[in-house]
Amino acid sequence: MRLLPRVRLWHHAPLQRLVDLMPGIEGAADPVQRSSRRCAWQVVLHHMLTRGRPLVRCVVFAVLLITVLTARASAQSASAKPELITFRSGELDLKGFIWKPAGVGPFPTILWNHGSERLPGAVDPVAPFFVARGYVFFVPHRRGQGRSPGPYIMDQLRAAGRERSTMLVRLHEAQLRDQLAALTYLKSVTFVDQRRLAAMGYSFGGIQTMLAVERGSGYRAAVNCSSAAQTWSSSPELRDRLIRAAHKAVVPVFFLQAQNDYDLTPNRVLGEHMKASGKPLESKVYPSYGFGAQGGHSFCVQGASIWGPDVVRFLQAHLK
């Protein structure tokens, strides 16, 4: 019997996410095993969603979706919830969400550098994956974003006109101070293992992660997802600044990205510069995710069940 071919149905991000939620996917540590299970569920769901009358298919899909989401919601309701905290950065009182596993710790800890979104929230699609594996997950809101006061960075960039490229670097340097202030706060938390601290960032947060690894500041490892994917080609000042940070990086970095993201060049170039400087790194481009470049860019937040096991393996190797 010939296996069903992969169809465009699975290029749709919500349906990809449904496959990722099926039993046996998230818990598979081995990438080959996880991929095999995903393919098996794709075949099963393909049969369920393409056979029979349209009304029957809609009912089957609705029942399946409700069942899976109810089970996930029940599991998450029994898990840890984030705590809203305040930390000081210069003259500003900034906010952040901290997730803690069950127990007293101390636990390995990830500081998540959010992107340019106005409302980063607590990063619910990512945090529970790591909390379930024994990590503290901290989401500080940099100035002007989320719960933190100050002008919004994208409004400032829109108002910068021809100075946008220079302003982009200047604003990221200011936000780096917020990130380092958040790291200082983490070092005061009793259930955080200060010997096992990692930075992870997405988009603008990937930029923040690269600026931080230039200093170290207590991080032992870093994960960079899609840094500067939307700004690399338009900001020579930012390119120069990130390349300089890559040359001076003092901790290992894992670069990850989906194939259909806006631009694969930044991660590739930064990885090449780290390698040329003899710095330890890993890099992986995953298959396309969702629709178009924005779907690929969202992989950093929506695809934790896919890239998560690779990141955990990387962190375990370097947070010893």
Protein backbone atom coordinates (compact mmCIF):
# COMPACT_ATOMS: atom_id res chain seq x y z
CA MET A 1 0.00 0.00 0.00
CA ARG A 2 1.43 3.35 -1.03
CA LEU A 3 1.77 5.90 1.75
CA LEU A 4 -0.25 9.06 1.33
CA PRO A 5 1.89 11.96 0.12
CA ARG A 6 2.29 15.04 2.23
CA VAL A 7 -0.31 17.56 1.17
CA ARG A 8 -0.58 21.32 1.47
CA LEU A 9 -3.02 20.77 4.32
CA TRP A 10 -0.02 20.41 6.67
CA HIS A 11 1.54 23.69 5.58
CA HIS A 12 -1.19 25.48 7.52
CA ALA A 13 0.26 26.56 10.89
CA PRO A 14 -2.82 25.75 13.03
CA LEU A 15 -2.97 22.23 11.60
CA GLN A 16 0.75 21.78 12.12
CA ARG A 17 0.20 22.84 15.71
CA LEU A 18 -2.63 20.30 16.03
CA VAL A 19 -0.27 17.55 14.90
CA ASP A 20 2.32 18.74 17.43
CA LEU A 21 -0.29 18.43 20.20
CA MET A 22 -1.12 14.81 19.46
CA PRO A 23 -0.05 12.15 22.00
CA GLY A 24 3.57 11.03 21.82
CA ILE A 25 4.90 14.03 19.86
CA GLU A 26 6.04 16.50 22.50
CA GLY A 27 7.52 13.84 24.75
CA ALA A 28 9.72 12.30 22.07
CA ALA A 29 13.30 13.37 22.82
CA ASP A 30 14.82 11.73 19.74
CA PRO A 31 14.32 13.90 16.60
CA VAL A 32 13.96 10.86 14.31
CA GLN A 33 11.34 9.31 16.59
CA ARG A 34 9.50 12.63 16.84
CA SER A 35 9.50 13.06 13.05
CA SER A 36 8.24 9.51 12.56
CA ARG A 37 5.40 10.05 15.01
CA ARG A 38 4.45 13.35 13.37
CA CYS A 39 4.27 11.64 9.96
CA ALA A 40 2.13 8.86 11.41
CA TRP A 41 -0.31 11.35 12.92
CA GLN A 42 -0.39 13.27 9.64
CA VAL A 43 -1.49 10.11 7.83
CA VAL A 44 -4.16 9.38 10.46
CA LEU A 45 -5.49 12.93 10.47
CA HIS A 46 -5.33 13.09 6.68
CA HIS A 47 -7.71 10.13 6.50
CA MET A 48 -10.00 11.66 9.12
CA LEU A 49 -10.15 15.09 7.49
CA THR A 50 -10.35 14.13 3.80
CA ARG A 51 -12.78 11.19 3.84
CA GLY A 52 -16.56 11.30 3.92
CA ARG A 53 -18.99 14.14 3.52
CA PRO A 54 -17.90 17.72 4.26
CA LEU A 55 -20.27 18.01 7.22
CA VAL A 56 -18.91 14.80 8.73
CA ARG A 57 -15.33 16.00 8.25
CA CYS A 58 -16.14 19.29 10.01
CA VAL A 59 -17.71 17.46 12.94
CA VAL A 60 -14.73 15.08 13.22
CA PHE A 61 -12.28 17.98 13.16
CA ALA A 62 -14.26 19.96 15.76
CA VAL A 63 -14.50 16.98 18.13
CA LEU A 64 -10.79 16.20 17.71
CA LEU A 65 -9.77 19.83 18.30
CA ILE A 66 -11.97 20.19 21.39
CA THR A 67 -10.67 16.93 22.84
CA VAL A 68 -7.01 17.82 22.36
CA LEU A 69 -7.35 21.41 23.59
CA THR A 70 -9.38 20.35 26.62
CA ALA A 71 -6.72 17.82 27.58
CA ARG A 72 -3.98 20.41 27.14
CA ALA A 73 -5.90 23.02 29.13
CA SER A 74 -6.43 20.55 31.97
CA ALA A 75 -2.74 19.69 32.03
CA GLN A 76 -1.69 23.33 31.96
CA SER A 77 -4.18 24.31 34.67
CA ALA A 78 -2.44 21.86 36.98
CA SER A 79 0.99 23.23 36.11
CA ALA A 80 2.80 26.34 37.29
CA LYS A 81 1.42 29.79 36.54
CA PRO A 82 3.63 32.84 35.96
CA GLU A 83 4.14 35.47 38.63
CA LEU A 84 4.23 39.15 37.66
CA ILE A 85 7.30 40.78 39.21
CA THR A 86 8.98 44.22 39.21
CA PHE A 87 12.66 44.93 38.66
CA ARG A 88 14.67 48.13 38.44
CA SER A 89 16.49 49.34 35.32
CA GLY A 90 18.07 52.74 35.87
CA GLU A 91 15.22 55.10 36.74
CA LEU A 92 12.52 52.73 35.46
CA ASP A 93 10.48 50.12 37.30
CA LEU A 94 10.01 47.38 34.71
CA LYS A 95 7.78 44.32 34.82
CA GLY A 96 8.19 40.70 33.88
CA PHE A 97 6.67 37.25 34.25
CA ILE A 98 8.56 34.44 35.95
CA TRP A 99 7.57 30.78 35.64
CA LYS A 100 8.80 28.29 38.25
CA PRO A 101 8.73 24.48 38.22
CA ALA A 102 7.42 22.55 41.20
CA GLY A 103 9.96 22.13 44.00
CA VAL A 104 12.45 24.32 45.80
CA GLY A 105 15.32 24.39 43.30
CA PRO A 106 17.72 25.81 42.51
CA PHE A 107 16.75 25.31 38.86
CA PRO A 108 18.47 26.05 35.54
CA THR A 109 16.97 29.25 34.19
CA ILE A 110 16.17 30.76 30.80
CA LEU A 111 15.79 34.50 30.33
CA TRP A 112 13.53 34.97 27.30
CA ASN A 113 14.21 38.10 25.23
CA HIS A 114 10.92 38.94 23.51
CA GLY A 115 10.61 40.47 20.07
CA SER A 116 9.27 43.83 18.92
CA GLU A 117 5.65 43.01 19.75
CA ARG A 118 3.88 45.66 21.81
CA LEU A 119 2.44 43.11 24.26
CA PRO A 120 4.85 40.20 24.86
CA GLY A 121 2.76 38.72 27.68
CA ALA A 122 4.09 35.68 29.52
CA VAL A 123 4.99 33.74 26.30
CA ASP A 124 2.51 30.96 27.09
CA PRO A 125 3.25 28.94 23.90
CA VAL A 126 6.89 28.44 24.98
CA ALA A 127 7.19 28.69 28.76
CA PRO A 128 5.27 25.51 29.77
CA PHE A 129 7.55 23.38 27.54
CA PHE A 130 10.60 24.38 29.59
CA VAL A 131 8.88 24.54 32.99
CA ALA A 132 7.74 20.94 32.52
CA ARG A 133 11.41 20.02 32.06
CA GLY A 134 12.59 21.71 35.23
CA TYR A 135 13.58 25.17 33.98
CA VAL A 136 12.69 28.54 35.42
CA PHE A 137 11.46 30.70 32.53
CA PHE A 138 11.69 34.48 32.93
CA VAL A 139 10.11 36.97 30.50
CA PRO A 140 11.23 40.52 31.36
CA HIS A 141 9.37 43.28 29.51
CA ARG A 142 11.85 45.79 28.19
CA ARG A 143 11.02 49.51 28.35
CA GLY A 144 7.94 50.56 26.39
CA GLN A 145 6.64 47.05 25.86
CA GLY A 146 4.09 44.92 27.68
CA ARG A 147 3.68 45.96 31.32
CA SER A 148 6.77 48.21 31.34
CA PRO A 149 6.66 52.03 31.03
CA GLY A 150 8.31 54.09 28.31
CA PRO A 151 7.88 54.83 24.59
CA TYR A 152 7.27 51.84 22.31
CA ILE A 153 10.35 50.97 20.26
CA MET A 154 8.49 50.59 16.96
CA ASP A 155 6.90 54.03 17.36
CA GLN A 156 10.36 55.48 17.97
CA LEU A 157 11.73 53.78 14.87
CA ARG A 158 8.85 54.98 12.70
CA ALA A 159 9.52 58.54 13.87
CA ALA A 160 13.27 58.29 13.19
CA GLY A 161 13.00 58.74 9.42
CA ARG A 162 16.41 58.61 7.75
CA GLU A 163 18.07 58.00 11.10
CA ARG A 164 16.18 54.72 11.56
CA SER A 165 19.22 52.47 11.09
CA THR A 166 21.31 54.38 13.64
CA MET A 167 18.35 54.69 16.00
CA LEU A 168 17.77 50.93 15.81
CA VAL A 169 21.20 50.23 17.29
CA ARG A 170 20.89 53.00 19.87
CA LEU A 171 17.53 51.70 21.11
CA HIS A 172 18.80 48.13 21.31
CA GLU A 173 21.74 49.29 23.42
CA ALA A 174 19.26 50.96 25.79
CA GLN A 175 17.14 47.82 25.91
CA LEU A 176 20.26 45.76 26.57
CA ARG A 177 20.52 47.63 29.86
CA ASP A 178 16.99 46.43 30.65
CA GLN A 179 17.95 42.85 29.85
CA LEU A 180 21.03 43.02 32.06
CA ALA A 181 18.95 44.56 34.85
CA ALA A 182 16.55 41.63 34.51
CA LEU A 183 19.51 39.27 34.73
CA THR A 184 20.64 41.01 37.92
CA TYR A 185 17.16 40.48 39.34
CA LEU A 186 17.33 36.76 38.44
CA LYS A 187 20.58 36.41 40.35
CA SER A 188 18.76 37.51 43.50
CA VAL A 189 16.07 34.81 43.23
CA THR A 190 16.73 31.92 45.61
CA PHE A 191 15.31 29.16 43.38
CA VAL A 192 17.47 30.21 40.39
CA ASP A 193 20.75 28.34 39.88
CA GLN A 194 23.18 31.14 39.07
CA ARG A 195 25.63 28.64 37.58
CA ARG A 196 23.05 27.55 34.97
CA LEU A 197 21.72 30.69 33.31
CA ALA A 198 20.85 30.89 29.61
CA ALA A 199 19.52 33.60 27.31
CA MET A 200 17.06 32.88 24.53
CA GLY A 201 15.64 35.44 22.13
CA TYR A 202 13.35 35.75 19.14
CA SER A 203 13.53 38.40 16.39
CA PHE A 204 14.42 41.65 18.22
CA GLY A 205 15.05 39.38 21.19
CA GLY A 206 17.57 37.47 19.08
CA ILE A 207 19.40 40.76 18.60
CA GLN A 208 19.30 41.27 22.36
CA THR A 209 20.68 37.78 22.88
CA MET A 210 23.66 38.44 20.60
CA LEU A 211 24.44 41.72 22.36
CA ALA A 212 24.37 39.90 25.69
CA VAL A 213 26.66 37.02 24.69
CA GLU A 214 29.32 39.57 23.81
CA ARG A 215 29.50 40.37 27.52
CA GLY A 216 28.65 37.02 29.07
CA SER A 217 27.32 38.65 32.23
CA GLY A 218 26.69 35.28 33.85
CA TYR A 219 25.04 33.45 30.96
CA ARG A 220 26.48 30.01 30.23
CA ALA A 221 24.68 29.45 26.91
CA ALA A 222 22.39 31.28 24.48
CA VAL A 223 19.78 30.46 21.86
CA ASN A 224 19.20 32.87 18.99
CA CYS A 225 16.03 32.44 16.95
CA SER A 226 15.60 34.62 13.85
CA SER A 227 17.67 37.60 15.00
CA ALA A 228 17.37 40.62 12.67
CA ALA A 229 15.44 38.60 10.08
CA GLN A 230 13.41 41.71 9.19
CA THR A 231 16.07 44.40 9.70
CA TRP A 232 19.40 42.95 8.52
CA SER A 233 19.20 44.13 4.91
CA SER A 234 18.06 47.66 5.78
CA SER A 235 20.45 48.50 8.63
CA PRO A 236 24.19 48.42 7.96
CA GLU A 237 24.85 49.79 11.46
CA LEU A 238 22.97 46.87 13.01
CA ARG A 239 24.82 44.36 10.83
CA ASP A 240 28.17 45.75 11.94
CA ARG A 241 27.12 45.78 15.57
CA LEU A 242 25.92 42.16 15.54
CA ILE A 243 28.99 40.90 13.68
CA ARG A 244 31.17 42.59 16.28
CA ALA A 245 29.16 40.88 19.03
CA ALA A 246 29.53 37.50 17.30
CA HIS A 247 33.31 37.93 17.11
CA LYS A 248 33.47 38.68 20.83
CA ALA A 249 30.92 36.09 22.00
CA VAL A 250 32.02 34.40 25.21
CA VAL A 251 29.31 31.71 25.48
CA PRO A 252 28.07 28.99 23.08
CA VAL A 253 25.16 29.95 20.84
CA PHE A 254 22.54 27.78 19.15
CA PHE A 255 21.13 29.50 16.02
CA LEU A 256 17.73 28.25 14.87
CA GLN A 257 15.22 29.32 12.26
CA ALA A 258 12.50 28.02 9.90
CA GLN A 259 13.35 27.76 6.21
CA ASN A 260 10.61 30.21 5.19
CA ASP A 261 11.54 33.00 7.62
CA TYR A 262 12.08 36.50 6.23
CA ASP A 263 15.86 36.23 5.94
CA LEU A 264 18.23 33.37 6.78
CA THR A 265 21.30 35.53 6.22
CA PRO A 266 21.74 36.97 9.74
CA ASN A 267 21.96 33.65 11.57
CA ARG A 268 24.20 32.20 8.86
CA VAL A 269 26.60 35.15 8.83
CA LEU A 270 26.76 35.47 12.61
CA GLY A 271 27.42 31.75 12.91
CA GLU A 272 30.22 31.99 10.35
CA HIS A 273 31.86 34.83 12.26
CA MET A 274 31.63 32.92 15.54
CA LYS A 275 33.14 29.85 13.89
CA ALA A 276 35.97 31.91 12.37
CA SER A 277 36.72 33.24 15.85
CA GLY A 278 36.88 29.72 17.26
CA LYS A 279 33.69 30.10 19.31
CA PRO A 280 31.42 27.08 19.99
CA LEU A 281 28.06 27.13 18.23
CA GLU A 282 25.33 25.04 16.68
CA SER A 283 23.03 26.03 13.85
CA LYS A 284 19.90 24.47 12.40
CA VAL A 285 17.38 25.51 9.76
CA TYR A 286 14.09 23.67 10.22
CA PRO A 287 11.53 22.89 7.49
CA SER A 288 9.12 25.63 6.51
CA TYR A 289 6.44 26.41 9.07
CA GLY A 290 3.03 27.98 8.46
CA PHE A 291 2.26 30.29 5.55
CA GLY A 292 4.79 32.71 4.10
CA ALA A 293 7.59 34.58 5.81
CA GLN A 294 5.49 35.60 8.81
CA GLY A 295 4.53 31.97 9.39
CA GLY A 296 8.21 31.04 9.33
CA HIS A 297 9.03 33.90 11.69
CA SER A 298 6.37 32.74 14.15
CA PHE A 299 8.10 29.35 14.36
CA CYS A 300 10.22 30.70 17.22
CA VAL A 301 7.13 31.08 19.39
CA GLN A 302 4.68 28.55 17.93
CA GLY A 303 7.07 25.68 17.17
CA ALA A 304 8.46 24.82 20.61
CA SER A 305 7.40 21.19 20.31
CA ILE A 306 9.60 20.94 17.19
CA TRP A 307 12.75 22.86 18.15
CA GLY A 308 12.38 22.41 21.91
CA PRO A 309 14.08 19.01 22.26
CA ASP A 310 17.11 20.30 20.31
CA VAL A 311 17.33 23.36 22.55
CA VAL A 312 17.03 21.25 25.72
CA ARG A 313 19.83 18.99 24.51
CA PHE A 314 22.00 22.03 23.75
CA LEU A 315 21.32 23.59 27.15
CA GLN A 316 21.96 20.35 29.00
CA ALA A 317 25.34 20.10 27.30
CA HIS A 318 26.42 23.61 28.32
CA LEU A 319 24.64 24.27 31.62
CA LYS A 320 26.71 21.85 33.67
